[in-house]
Amino acid sequence: MPGHALLRFKTSLPNTGLGEFFLRSTNVESGDGRFTVDQRIKREDGSIVSRDAGEFLYNPVNQHMEAAGWTSYLLREITEGDGVGAIVAEGAKESVRITSSRIHNANLPNFVPFPNQINASGGIHGISVGWTDIYSKDLEKQWIDVTGVPAGEYWLEAVVDPANHILEESETNNTARIRYTLVDTGTK
């Protein structure tokens, strides 16, 4: 983006739970190229429960369905004692394809060496236990516009499922942050 300073970064979303994370399109259009989504949850007795889990957005460039509003990215002030302060810049991926990209931890219970194949063009997304989805820094909207943000130390924060559409075993691990030193971008 000419005249803008973009902070690009790679993120990874692992499934460290006990079961496969699985979303599928209901093929019910909710408007503007969006479709309602079900989260499928397999119970210990083998039965499957489906529940509403937000929306998919059809991406005509990639020709597949993507989970809408899946991640948000924040640059935040660091307060005294390494506290988390105000948001100084933010970014969000409008939509993303969710899949098992790489092994994260093969020692987790219920890990499968060959994950289920996800068919994003058919409206099915998910991450198998012990696998992670990787979002490289060159992907569309995988950045925060830091134009005009003063140089300094900040928290770079990623939030998964910010609208809380997904039912999870634990909601405590949806936010990750690291210290980041922003240098003078030269753009105002």
N, C-alpha and C. Protein backbone atom coordinates (compact mmCIF):
# COMPACT_ATOMS: atom_id res chain seq x y z
N MET A 1 0.85 -1.17 0.00
CA MET A 1 0.00 0.00 0.00
C MET A 1 0.90 1.23 0.00
N PRO A 2 1.01 1.89 -1.10
CA PRO A 2 1.87 3.08 -1.18
C PRO A 2 1.51 4.11 -0.11
N GLY A 3 2.56 4.64 0.54
CA GLY A 3 2.36 5.65 1.57
C GLY A 3 1.98 5.09 2.93
N HIS A 4 1.94 3.77 3.05
CA HIS A 4 1.58 3.13 4.32
C HIS A 4 2.72 2.23 4.79
N ALA A 5 2.88 2.15 6.09
CA ALA A 5 3.83 1.21 6.70
C ALA A 5 3.03 0.04 7.25
N LEU A 6 3.30 -1.15 6.74
CA LEU A 6 2.56 -2.34 7.17
C LEU A 6 3.46 -3.25 7.99
N LEU A 7 3.00 -3.62 9.15
CA LEU A 7 3.70 -4.59 10.00
C LEU A 7 3.14 -5.96 9.62
N ARG A 8 3.97 -6.77 8.95
CA ARG A 8 3.55 -8.11 8.52
C ARG A 8 4.14 -9.15 9.46
N PHE A 9 3.43 -10.24 9.65
CA PHE A 9 3.87 -11.28 10.59
C PHE A 9 3.20 -12.60 10.23
N LYS A 10 3.80 -13.67 10.71
CA LYS A 10 3.27 -15.02 10.52
C LYS A 10 2.57 -15.44 11.81
N THR A 11 1.46 -16.15 11.69
CA THR A 11 0.79 -16.69 12.87
C THR A 11 0.53 -18.17 12.66
N SER A 12 0.29 -18.85 13.76
CA SER A 12 0.01 -20.28 13.74
C SER A 12 -1.13 -20.56 14.71
N LEU A 13 -2.07 -21.39 14.31
CA LEU A 13 -3.21 -21.73 15.15
C LEU A 13 -3.26 -23.23 15.35
N PRO A 14 -2.78 -23.72 16.50
CA PRO A 14 -2.77 -25.17 16.74
C PRO A 14 -4.07 -25.66 17.39
N ASN A 15 -4.39 -26.90 17.13
CA ASN A 15 -5.48 -27.58 17.85
C ASN A 15 -4.82 -28.42 18.93
N THR A 16 -4.92 -27.97 20.18
CA THR A 16 -4.34 -28.68 21.31
C THR A 16 -5.42 -29.34 22.17
N GLY A 17 -6.64 -29.38 21.64
CA GLY A 17 -7.76 -29.97 22.38
C GLY A 17 -7.82 -31.48 22.24
N LEU A 18 -8.93 -32.03 22.68
CA LEU A 18 -9.11 -33.48 22.66
C LEU A 18 -9.75 -34.00 21.38
N GLY A 19 -10.35 -33.09 20.60
CA GLY A 19 -11.05 -33.52 19.40
C GLY A 19 -10.77 -32.64 18.21
N GLU A 20 -11.16 -33.14 17.05
CA GLU A 20 -10.97 -32.40 15.82
C GLU A 20 -11.83 -31.13 15.82
N PHE A 21 -11.25 -30.05 15.34
CA PHE A 21 -11.98 -28.81 15.15
C PHE A 21 -12.55 -28.86 13.74
N PHE A 22 -13.87 -28.77 13.60
CA PHE A 22 -14.51 -29.04 12.32
C PHE A 22 -15.66 -28.05 12.10
N LEU A 23 -15.59 -27.29 11.01
CA LEU A 23 -16.65 -26.36 10.60
C LEU A 23 -17.13 -26.75 9.21
N ARG A 24 -18.42 -26.56 8.95
CA ARG A 24 -18.93 -26.81 7.60
C ARG A 24 -20.02 -25.81 7.27
N SER A 25 -20.07 -25.46 6.00
CA SER A 25 -21.10 -24.54 5.51
C SER A 25 -22.43 -25.26 5.52
N THR A 26 -23.48 -24.55 5.90
CA THR A 26 -24.84 -25.10 5.83
C THR A 26 -25.42 -24.92 4.44
N ASN A 27 -24.70 -24.16 3.59
CA ASN A 27 -25.16 -23.79 2.25
C ASN A 27 -26.40 -22.90 2.29
N VAL A 28 -26.66 -22.31 3.46
CA VAL A 28 -27.75 -21.35 3.61
C VAL A 28 -27.14 -19.96 3.52
N GLU A 29 -27.51 -19.22 2.47
CA GLU A 29 -26.92 -17.90 2.27
C GLU A 29 -27.54 -16.90 3.24
N SER A 30 -26.67 -16.09 3.85
CA SER A 30 -27.15 -15.06 4.78
C SER A 30 -26.96 -13.66 4.19
N GLY A 31 -26.56 -13.57 2.91
CA GLY A 31 -26.42 -12.29 2.22
C GLY A 31 -24.97 -11.89 2.01
N ASP A 32 -24.71 -11.08 0.99
CA ASP A 32 -23.38 -10.55 0.68
C ASP A 32 -22.34 -11.64 0.50
N GLY A 33 -22.71 -12.78 -0.10
CA GLY A 33 -21.75 -13.86 -0.33
C GLY A 33 -21.39 -14.62 0.94
N ARG A 34 -22.17 -14.45 1.99
CA ARG A 34 -21.91 -15.13 3.27
C ARG A 34 -22.88 -16.29 3.45
N PHE A 35 -22.38 -17.34 4.11
CA PHE A 35 -23.17 -18.54 4.36
C PHE A 35 -23.05 -18.92 5.83
N THR A 36 -24.14 -19.39 6.43
CA THR A 36 -24.08 -19.80 7.83
C THR A 36 -23.21 -21.04 7.96
N VAL A 37 -22.63 -21.20 9.15
CA VAL A 37 -21.66 -22.27 9.41
C VAL A 37 -22.09 -23.06 10.65
N ASP A 38 -21.90 -24.37 10.58
CA ASP A 38 -22.10 -25.25 11.73
C ASP A 38 -20.75 -25.72 12.24
N GLN A 39 -20.61 -25.79 13.54
CA GLN A 39 -19.47 -26.45 14.16
C GLN A 39 -19.95 -27.84 14.54
N ARG A 40 -19.20 -28.85 14.11
CA ARG A 40 -19.56 -30.23 14.45
C ARG A 40 -18.68 -30.69 15.59
N ILE A 41 -19.31 -31.19 16.64
CA ILE A 41 -18.60 -31.64 17.84
C ILE A 41 -18.91 -33.10 18.06
N LYS A 42 -17.84 -33.90 18.10
CA LYS A 42 -18.00 -35.34 18.34
C LYS A 42 -17.92 -35.59 19.85
N ARG A 43 -18.94 -36.22 20.40
CA ARG A 43 -19.00 -36.53 21.83
C ARG A 43 -18.25 -37.83 22.11
N GLU A 44 -17.98 -38.06 23.38
CA GLU A 44 -17.26 -39.27 23.79
C GLU A 44 -18.00 -40.54 23.37
N ASP A 45 -19.34 -40.50 23.31
CA ASP A 45 -20.11 -41.69 22.92
C ASP A 45 -20.16 -41.89 21.40
N GLY A 46 -19.49 -41.00 20.64
CA GLY A 46 -19.43 -41.11 19.19
C GLY A 46 -20.50 -40.31 18.47
N SER A 47 -21.49 -39.82 19.20
CA SER A 47 -22.53 -39.00 18.55
C SER A 47 -21.96 -37.63 18.18
N ILE A 48 -22.61 -36.99 17.22
CA ILE A 48 -22.15 -35.69 16.75
C ILE A 48 -23.24 -34.65 16.97
N VAL A 49 -22.84 -33.52 17.50
CA VAL A 49 -23.74 -32.39 17.73
C VAL A 49 -23.29 -31.27 16.80
N SER A 50 -24.26 -30.60 16.17
CA SER A 50 -23.97 -29.43 15.34
C SER A 50 -24.53 -28.20 16.02
N ARG A 51 -23.78 -27.10 15.90
CA ARG A 51 -24.23 -25.83 16.49
C ARG A 51 -23.82 -24.68 15.58
N ASP A 52 -24.56 -23.58 15.64
CA ASP A 52 -24.25 -22.39 14.85
C ASP A 52 -22.88 -21.87 15.25
N ALA A 53 -22.06 -21.50 14.24
CA ALA A 53 -20.70 -21.03 14.53
C ALA A 53 -20.28 -19.90 13.61
N GLY A 54 -21.18 -18.97 13.32
CA GLY A 54 -20.79 -17.81 12.52
C GLY A 54 -21.07 -17.98 11.05
N GLU A 55 -20.15 -17.42 10.22
CA GLU A 55 -20.37 -17.40 8.78
C GLU A 55 -19.10 -17.73 8.01
N PHE A 56 -19.31 -18.26 6.80
CA PHE A 56 -18.26 -18.38 5.80
C PHE A 56 -18.51 -17.30 4.76
N LEU A 57 -17.45 -16.86 4.14
CA LEU A 57 -17.52 -15.87 3.07
C LEU A 57 -16.89 -16.49 1.84
N TYR A 58 -17.59 -16.42 0.70
CA TYR A 58 -17.02 -16.97 -0.52
C TYR A 58 -15.97 -16.00 -1.06
N ASN A 59 -14.75 -16.51 -1.29
CA ASN A 59 -13.66 -15.70 -1.83
C ASN A 59 -13.54 -16.02 -3.32
N PRO A 60 -13.99 -15.11 -4.20
CA PRO A 60 -13.96 -15.40 -5.63
C PRO A 60 -12.55 -15.47 -6.20
N VAL A 61 -11.57 -14.81 -5.56
CA VAL A 61 -10.19 -14.86 -6.04
C VAL A 61 -9.63 -16.27 -5.86
N ASN A 62 -9.80 -16.84 -4.66
CA ASN A 62 -9.30 -18.18 -4.36
C ASN A 62 -10.30 -19.27 -4.69
N GLN A 63 -11.53 -18.90 -4.99
CA GLN A 63 -12.62 -19.80 -5.32
C GLN A 63 -12.87 -20.84 -4.24
N HIS A 64 -12.93 -20.37 -2.99
CA HIS A 64 -13.33 -21.25 -1.91
C HIS A 64 -13.96 -20.46 -0.77
N MET A 65 -14.60 -21.19 0.12
CA MET A 65 -15.24 -20.59 1.28
C MET A 65 -14.17 -20.33 2.34
N GLU A 66 -14.33 -19.24 3.09
CA GLU A 66 -13.40 -18.89 4.15
C GLU A 66 -14.19 -18.47 5.39
N ALA A 67 -13.64 -18.77 6.55
CA ALA A 67 -14.28 -18.40 7.81
C ALA A 67 -14.19 -16.89 7.98
N ALA A 68 -15.33 -16.25 8.20
CA ALA A 68 -15.39 -14.79 8.33
C ALA A 68 -15.07 -14.37 9.77
N GLY A 69 -14.29 -13.28 9.90
CA GLY A 69 -14.00 -12.73 11.21
C GLY A 69 -13.20 -13.65 12.12
N TRP A 70 -12.32 -14.44 11.56
CA TRP A 70 -11.62 -15.47 12.31
C TRP A 70 -10.51 -14.93 13.21
N THR A 71 -9.80 -13.90 12.75
CA THR A 71 -8.69 -13.38 13.55
C THR A 71 -8.68 -11.85 13.54
N SER A 72 -8.18 -11.29 14.63
CA SER A 72 -7.91 -9.85 14.67
C SER A 72 -6.51 -9.66 15.23
N TYR A 73 -5.87 -8.59 14.80
CA TYR A 73 -4.49 -8.30 15.19
C TYR A 73 -4.43 -6.90 15.78
N LEU A 74 -3.73 -6.78 16.91
CA LEU A 74 -3.67 -5.51 17.63
C LEU A 74 -2.23 -5.16 17.97
N LEU A 75 -1.92 -3.88 17.90
CA LEU A 75 -0.67 -3.36 18.44
C LEU A 75 -1.09 -2.53 19.65
N ARG A 76 -0.57 -2.90 20.83
CA ARG A 76 -1.02 -2.29 22.07
C ARG A 76 0.13 -1.68 22.84
N GLU A 77 -0.17 -0.67 23.62
CA GLU A 77 0.82 -0.07 24.49
C GLU A 77 1.24 -1.06 25.57
N ILE A 78 2.47 -0.94 26.02
CA ILE A 78 2.94 -1.70 27.18
C ILE A 78 2.90 -0.75 28.37
N THR A 79 2.16 -1.12 29.39
CA THR A 79 2.06 -0.28 30.57
C THR A 79 3.06 -0.75 31.63
N GLU A 80 3.12 -0.04 32.73
CA GLU A 80 4.04 -0.37 33.81
C GLU A 80 3.86 -1.82 34.25
N GLY A 81 4.97 -2.47 34.52
CA GLY A 81 4.94 -3.87 34.95
C GLY A 81 4.55 -4.83 33.85
N ASP A 82 4.83 -4.47 32.58
CA ASP A 82 4.49 -5.28 31.40
C ASP A 82 2.99 -5.50 31.24
N GLY A 83 2.21 -4.53 31.69
CA GLY A 83 0.77 -4.61 31.52
C GLY A 83 0.36 -4.35 30.08
N VAL A 84 -0.88 -4.68 29.77
CA VAL A 84 -1.41 -4.53 28.43
C VAL A 84 -2.25 -3.25 28.39
N GLY A 85 -1.83 -2.31 27.55
CA GLY A 85 -2.48 -1.01 27.49
C GLY A 85 -3.39 -0.83 26.29
N ALA A 86 -3.59 0.42 25.95
CA ALA A 86 -4.51 0.81 24.89
C ALA A 86 -4.06 0.29 23.52
N ILE A 87 -5.02 0.11 22.64
CA ILE A 87 -4.76 -0.29 21.26
C ILE A 87 -4.30 0.94 20.49
N VAL A 88 -3.15 0.83 19.80
CA VAL A 88 -2.64 1.95 19.00
C VAL A 88 -2.82 1.72 17.50
N ALA A 89 -2.99 0.48 17.10
CA ALA A 89 -3.25 0.14 15.69
C ALA A 89 -3.85 -1.26 15.66
N GLU A 90 -4.63 -1.52 14.63
CA GLU A 90 -5.24 -2.85 14.54
C GLU A 90 -5.45 -3.27 13.09
N GLY A 91 -5.58 -4.56 12.93
CA GLY A 91 -5.85 -5.15 11.63
C GLY A 91 -6.70 -6.39 11.83
N ALA A 92 -7.31 -6.88 10.77
CA ALA A 92 -8.13 -8.09 10.87
C ALA A 92 -8.19 -8.74 9.50
N LYS A 93 -8.16 -10.07 9.51
CA LYS A 93 -8.37 -10.80 8.28
C LYS A 93 -9.87 -10.91 8.08
N GLU A 94 -10.34 -10.46 6.92
CA GLU A 94 -11.77 -10.52 6.64
C GLU A 94 -12.24 -11.97 6.62
N SER A 95 -11.39 -12.84 6.07
CA SER A 95 -11.75 -14.25 6.01
C SER A 95 -10.48 -15.08 5.84
N VAL A 96 -10.57 -16.36 6.20
CA VAL A 96 -9.40 -17.23 6.14
C VAL A 96 -9.85 -18.68 5.92
N ARG A 97 -9.01 -19.43 5.25
CA ARG A 97 -9.22 -20.87 5.08
C ARG A 97 -8.55 -21.57 6.26
N ILE A 98 -9.26 -22.44 6.95
CA ILE A 98 -8.75 -23.12 8.14
C ILE A 98 -8.47 -24.57 7.78
N THR A 99 -7.21 -25.01 7.98
CA THR A 99 -6.85 -26.38 7.62
C THR A 99 -5.67 -26.86 8.46
N SER A 100 -5.42 -28.14 8.47
CA SER A 100 -4.26 -28.73 9.15
C SER A 100 -3.05 -28.57 8.24
N SER A 101 -2.18 -27.61 8.55
CA SER A 101 -1.04 -27.30 7.68
C SER A 101 0.22 -28.07 8.05
N ARG A 102 0.46 -28.23 9.35
CA ARG A 102 1.72 -28.80 9.80
C ARG A 102 1.53 -29.44 11.19
N ILE A 103 2.34 -30.43 11.51
CA ILE A 103 2.27 -31.04 12.84
C ILE A 103 2.75 -30.04 13.88
N HIS A 104 1.97 -29.90 14.94
CA HIS A 104 2.31 -29.03 16.07
C HIS A 104 2.83 -29.85 17.25
N ASN A 105 2.10 -30.92 17.62
CA ASN A 105 2.49 -31.76 18.75
C ASN A 105 1.92 -33.16 18.55
N ALA A 106 2.77 -34.08 18.14
CA ALA A 106 2.34 -35.46 17.87
C ALA A 106 2.11 -36.26 19.15
N ASN A 107 2.40 -35.69 20.31
CA ASN A 107 2.23 -36.40 21.59
C ASN A 107 0.89 -36.14 22.26
N LEU A 108 0.04 -35.35 21.65
CA LEU A 108 -1.26 -35.06 22.25
C LEU A 108 -2.19 -36.26 22.12
N PRO A 109 -3.07 -36.47 23.13
CA PRO A 109 -4.06 -37.54 23.00
C PRO A 109 -4.93 -37.30 21.76
N ASN A 110 -5.25 -38.34 21.04
CA ASN A 110 -6.09 -38.30 19.84
C ASN A 110 -5.40 -37.72 18.61
N PHE A 111 -4.06 -37.53 18.68
CA PHE A 111 -3.32 -37.09 17.50
C PHE A 111 -3.47 -38.12 16.39
N VAL A 112 -3.63 -37.64 15.16
CA VAL A 112 -3.67 -38.53 13.99
C VAL A 112 -2.52 -38.14 13.07
N PRO A 113 -1.72 -39.13 12.61
CA PRO A 113 -0.57 -38.79 11.77
C PRO A 113 -0.95 -38.22 10.41
N PHE A 114 -2.14 -38.55 9.92
CA PHE A 114 -2.61 -38.03 8.64
C PHE A 114 -3.96 -37.37 8.90
N PRO A 115 -3.96 -36.03 8.91
CA PRO A 115 -5.21 -35.33 9.26
C PRO A 115 -6.28 -35.50 8.20
N ASN A 116 -7.52 -35.25 8.62
CA ASN A 116 -8.62 -35.25 7.66
C ASN A 116 -8.34 -34.20 6.60
N GLN A 117 -8.60 -34.52 5.37
CA GLN A 117 -8.41 -33.55 4.30
C GLN A 117 -9.60 -32.59 4.29
N ILE A 118 -9.29 -31.33 4.32
CA ILE A 118 -10.31 -30.29 4.38
C ILE A 118 -10.58 -29.80 2.97
N ASN A 119 -11.84 -29.59 2.65
CA ASN A 119 -12.24 -29.15 1.32
C ASN A 119 -12.85 -27.76 1.43
N ALA A 120 -11.98 -26.73 1.44
CA ALA A 120 -12.45 -25.36 1.60
C ALA A 120 -13.36 -24.93 0.46
N SER A 121 -13.10 -25.43 -0.75
CA SER A 121 -13.97 -25.04 -1.87
C SER A 121 -15.36 -25.61 -1.67
N GLY A 122 -15.46 -26.70 -0.93
CA GLY A 122 -16.76 -27.30 -0.63
C GLY A 122 -17.34 -26.83 0.68
N GLY A 123 -16.67 -25.90 1.36
CA GLY A 123 -17.23 -25.33 2.58
C GLY A 123 -16.98 -26.15 3.83
N ILE A 124 -15.87 -26.89 3.87
CA ILE A 124 -15.50 -27.65 5.07
C ILE A 124 -14.12 -27.19 5.52
N HIS A 125 -14.00 -26.83 6.81
CA HIS A 125 -12.75 -26.37 7.38
C HIS A 125 -12.49 -27.10 8.68
N GLY A 126 -11.23 -27.18 9.09
CA GLY A 126 -10.95 -27.78 10.39
C GLY A 126 -9.47 -28.00 10.61
N ILE A 127 -9.15 -28.33 11.86
CA ILE A 127 -7.78 -28.64 12.24
C ILE A 127 -7.82 -29.90 13.11
N SER A 128 -7.06 -30.90 12.72
CA SER A 128 -6.99 -32.14 13.49
C SER A 128 -6.15 -31.95 14.75
N VAL A 129 -6.41 -32.77 15.75
CA VAL A 129 -5.67 -32.70 17.02
C VAL A 129 -4.18 -32.84 16.77
N GLY A 130 -3.40 -31.94 17.36
CA GLY A 130 -1.95 -31.98 17.23
C GLY A 130 -1.40 -31.30 16.00
N TRP A 131 -2.27 -30.78 15.15
CA TRP A 131 -1.86 -30.07 13.95
C TRP A 131 -2.07 -28.58 14.14
N THR A 132 -1.48 -27.77 13.25
CA THR A 132 -1.64 -26.33 13.31
C THR A 132 -1.90 -25.78 11.92
N ASP A 133 -2.58 -24.65 11.89
CA ASP A 133 -2.78 -23.93 10.63
C ASP A 133 -1.82 -22.76 10.64
N ILE A 134 -1.10 -22.56 9.54
CA ILE A 134 -0.09 -21.51 9.43
C ILE A 134 -0.60 -20.42 8.50
N TYR A 135 -0.49 -19.16 8.94
CA TYR A 135 -0.83 -18.02 8.10
C TYR A 135 0.46 -17.24 7.86
N SER A 136 0.99 -17.33 6.65
CA SER A 136 2.27 -16.68 6.35
C SER A 136 2.10 -15.16 6.25
N LYS A 137 3.20 -14.45 6.43
CA LYS A 137 3.15 -12.99 6.47
C LYS A 137 2.80 -12.35 5.13
N ASP A 138 2.84 -13.11 4.04
CA ASP A 138 2.52 -12.53 2.74
C ASP A 138 1.05 -12.70 2.34
N LEU A 139 0.25 -13.28 3.23
CA LEU A 139 -1.17 -13.44 2.92
C LEU A 139 -1.90 -12.10 2.97
N GLU A 140 -2.99 -12.03 2.24
CA GLU A 140 -3.84 -10.84 2.23
C GLU A 140 -4.32 -10.53 3.66
N LYS A 141 -4.21 -9.27 4.06
CA LYS A 141 -4.65 -8.77 5.37
C LYS A 141 -3.91 -9.38 6.55
N GLN A 142 -2.75 -9.98 6.31
CA GLN A 142 -1.94 -10.54 7.40
C GLN A 142 -0.97 -9.44 7.86
N TRP A 143 -1.54 -8.32 8.30
CA TRP A 143 -0.73 -7.18 8.68
C TRP A 143 -1.55 -6.19 9.51
N ILE A 144 -0.81 -5.27 10.12
CA ILE A 144 -1.40 -4.11 10.80
C ILE A 144 -0.80 -2.87 10.14
N ASP A 145 -1.63 -1.92 9.80
CA ASP A 145 -1.16 -0.65 9.25
C ASP A 145 -0.64 0.19 10.42
N VAL A 146 0.67 0.42 10.46
CA VAL A 146 1.29 1.17 11.55
C VAL A 146 1.72 2.57 11.11
N THR A 147 1.15 3.04 10.02
CA THR A 147 1.45 4.38 9.53
C THR A 147 1.18 5.41 10.64
N GLY A 148 2.19 6.21 10.96
CA GLY A 148 2.03 7.25 11.96
C GLY A 148 2.17 6.80 13.40
N VAL A 149 2.35 5.51 13.64
CA VAL A 149 2.54 5.03 15.01
C VAL A 149 3.97 5.34 15.43
N PRO A 150 4.17 5.99 16.58
CA PRO A 150 5.53 6.33 17.01
C PRO A 150 6.39 5.08 17.25
N ALA A 151 7.68 5.21 16.97
CA ALA A 151 8.62 4.12 17.26
C ALA A 151 8.57 3.82 18.75
N GLY A 152 8.78 2.55 19.10
CA GLY A 152 8.78 2.18 20.52
C GLY A 152 8.47 0.72 20.72
N GLU A 153 8.35 0.34 22.00
CA GLU A 153 8.03 -1.04 22.39
C GLU A 153 6.52 -1.19 22.51
N TYR A 154 6.00 -2.27 21.94
CA TYR A 154 4.56 -2.53 21.95
C TYR A 154 4.32 -4.02 22.16
N TRP A 155 3.07 -4.35 22.48
CA TRP A 155 2.61 -5.73 22.42
C TRP A 155 2.00 -5.94 21.04
N LEU A 156 2.43 -6.98 20.35
CA LEU A 156 1.78 -7.42 19.11
C LEU A 156 0.88 -8.58 19.53
N GLU A 157 -0.41 -8.41 19.31
CA GLU A 157 -1.39 -9.36 19.85
C GLU A 157 -2.23 -9.94 18.73
N ALA A 158 -2.45 -11.24 18.78
CA ALA A 158 -3.34 -11.93 17.84
C ALA A 158 -4.48 -12.55 18.64
N VAL A 159 -5.70 -12.36 18.15
CA VAL A 159 -6.89 -12.90 18.82
C VAL A 159 -7.62 -13.78 17.82
N VAL A 160 -7.84 -15.03 18.18
CA VAL A 160 -8.58 -15.97 17.34
C VAL A 160 -10.02 -16.03 17.84
N ASP A 161 -10.95 -16.07 16.91
CA ASP A 161 -12.38 -16.14 17.22
C ASP A 161 -12.80 -14.98 18.14
N PRO A 162 -12.49 -13.72 17.72
CA PRO A 162 -12.80 -12.58 18.59
C PRO A 162 -14.29 -12.41 18.89
N ALA A 163 -15.17 -12.88 18.03
CA ALA A 163 -16.62 -12.78 18.28
C ALA A 163 -17.16 -13.97 19.06
N ASN A 164 -16.27 -14.91 19.42
CA ASN A 164 -16.61 -16.07 20.24
C ASN A 164 -17.71 -16.94 19.62
N HIS A 165 -17.56 -17.27 18.33
CA HIS A 165 -18.51 -18.13 17.65
C HIS A 165 -18.25 -19.61 17.94
N ILE A 166 -17.02 -19.96 18.27
CA ILE A 166 -16.62 -21.37 18.38
C ILE A 166 -16.73 -21.84 19.83
N LEU A 167 -17.34 -23.00 20.02
CA LEU A 167 -17.39 -23.64 21.34
C LEU A 167 -16.08 -24.39 21.51
N GLU A 168 -15.37 -24.11 22.62
CA GLU A 168 -14.07 -24.71 22.86
C GLU A 168 -13.98 -25.29 24.26
N GLU A 169 -13.07 -26.22 24.42
CA GLU A 169 -12.79 -26.79 25.74
C GLU A 169 -12.30 -25.69 26.68
N SER A 170 -11.47 -24.78 26.14
CA SER A 170 -10.95 -23.67 26.93
C SER A 170 -10.91 -22.42 26.07
N GLU A 171 -11.40 -21.32 26.60
CA GLU A 171 -11.35 -20.03 25.91
C GLU A 171 -10.14 -19.21 26.34
N THR A 172 -9.30 -19.78 27.20
CA THR A 172 -8.19 -19.01 27.79
C THR A 172 -6.99 -18.88 26.87
N ASN A 173 -6.97 -19.60 25.76
CA ASN A 173 -5.78 -19.56 24.89
C ASN A 173 -6.07 -18.95 23.52
N ASN A 174 -7.07 -18.08 23.42
CA ASN A 174 -7.42 -17.48 22.14
C ASN A 174 -6.64 -16.21 21.84
N THR A 175 -5.88 -15.71 22.80
CA THR A 175 -5.09 -14.50 22.62
C THR A 175 -3.63 -14.82 22.90
N ALA A 176 -2.78 -14.38 21.99
CA ALA A 176 -1.33 -14.53 22.18
C ALA A 176 -0.70 -13.17 21.90
N ARG A 177 0.35 -12.85 22.65
CA ARG A 177 1.03 -11.58 22.39
C ARG A 177 2.52 -11.73 22.62
N ILE A 178 3.27 -10.94 21.86
CA ILE A 178 4.71 -10.88 22.02
C ILE A 178 5.13 -9.41 22.04
N ARG A 179 6.26 -9.15 22.67
CA ARG A 179 6.84 -7.80 22.64
C ARG A 179 7.37 -7.53 21.25
N TYR A 180 7.15 -6.31 20.79
CA TYR A 180 7.62 -5.94 19.47
C TYR A 180 8.19 -4.53 19.52
N THR A 181 9.37 -4.35 18.92
CA THR A 181 9.97 -3.03 18.83
C THR A 181 9.70 -2.47 17.44
N LEU A 182 8.91 -1.40 17.41
CA LEU A 182 8.59 -0.73 16.16
C LEU A 182 9.62 0.38 15.94
N VAL A 183 10.25 0.37 14.77
CA VAL A 183 11.22 1.41 14.43
C VAL A 183 10.48 2.52 13.69
N ASP A 184 11.11 3.65 13.55
CA ASP A 184 10.50 4.78 12.84
C ASP A 184 10.19 4.35 11.41
N THR A 185 8.93 4.41 11.03
CA THR A 185 8.51 3.96 9.71
C THR A 185 8.73 5.00 8.63
N GLY A 186 8.96 6.24 9.03
CA GLY A 186 9.21 7.30 8.06
C GLY A 186 7.96 7.78 7.35
N THR A 187 6.78 7.23 7.72
CA THR A 187 5.54 7.66 7.10
C THR A 187 4.64 8.26 8.18
N LYS A 188 3.96 9.31 7.84
CA LYS A 188 3.07 9.98 8.79
C LYS A 188 1.69 10.13 8.21
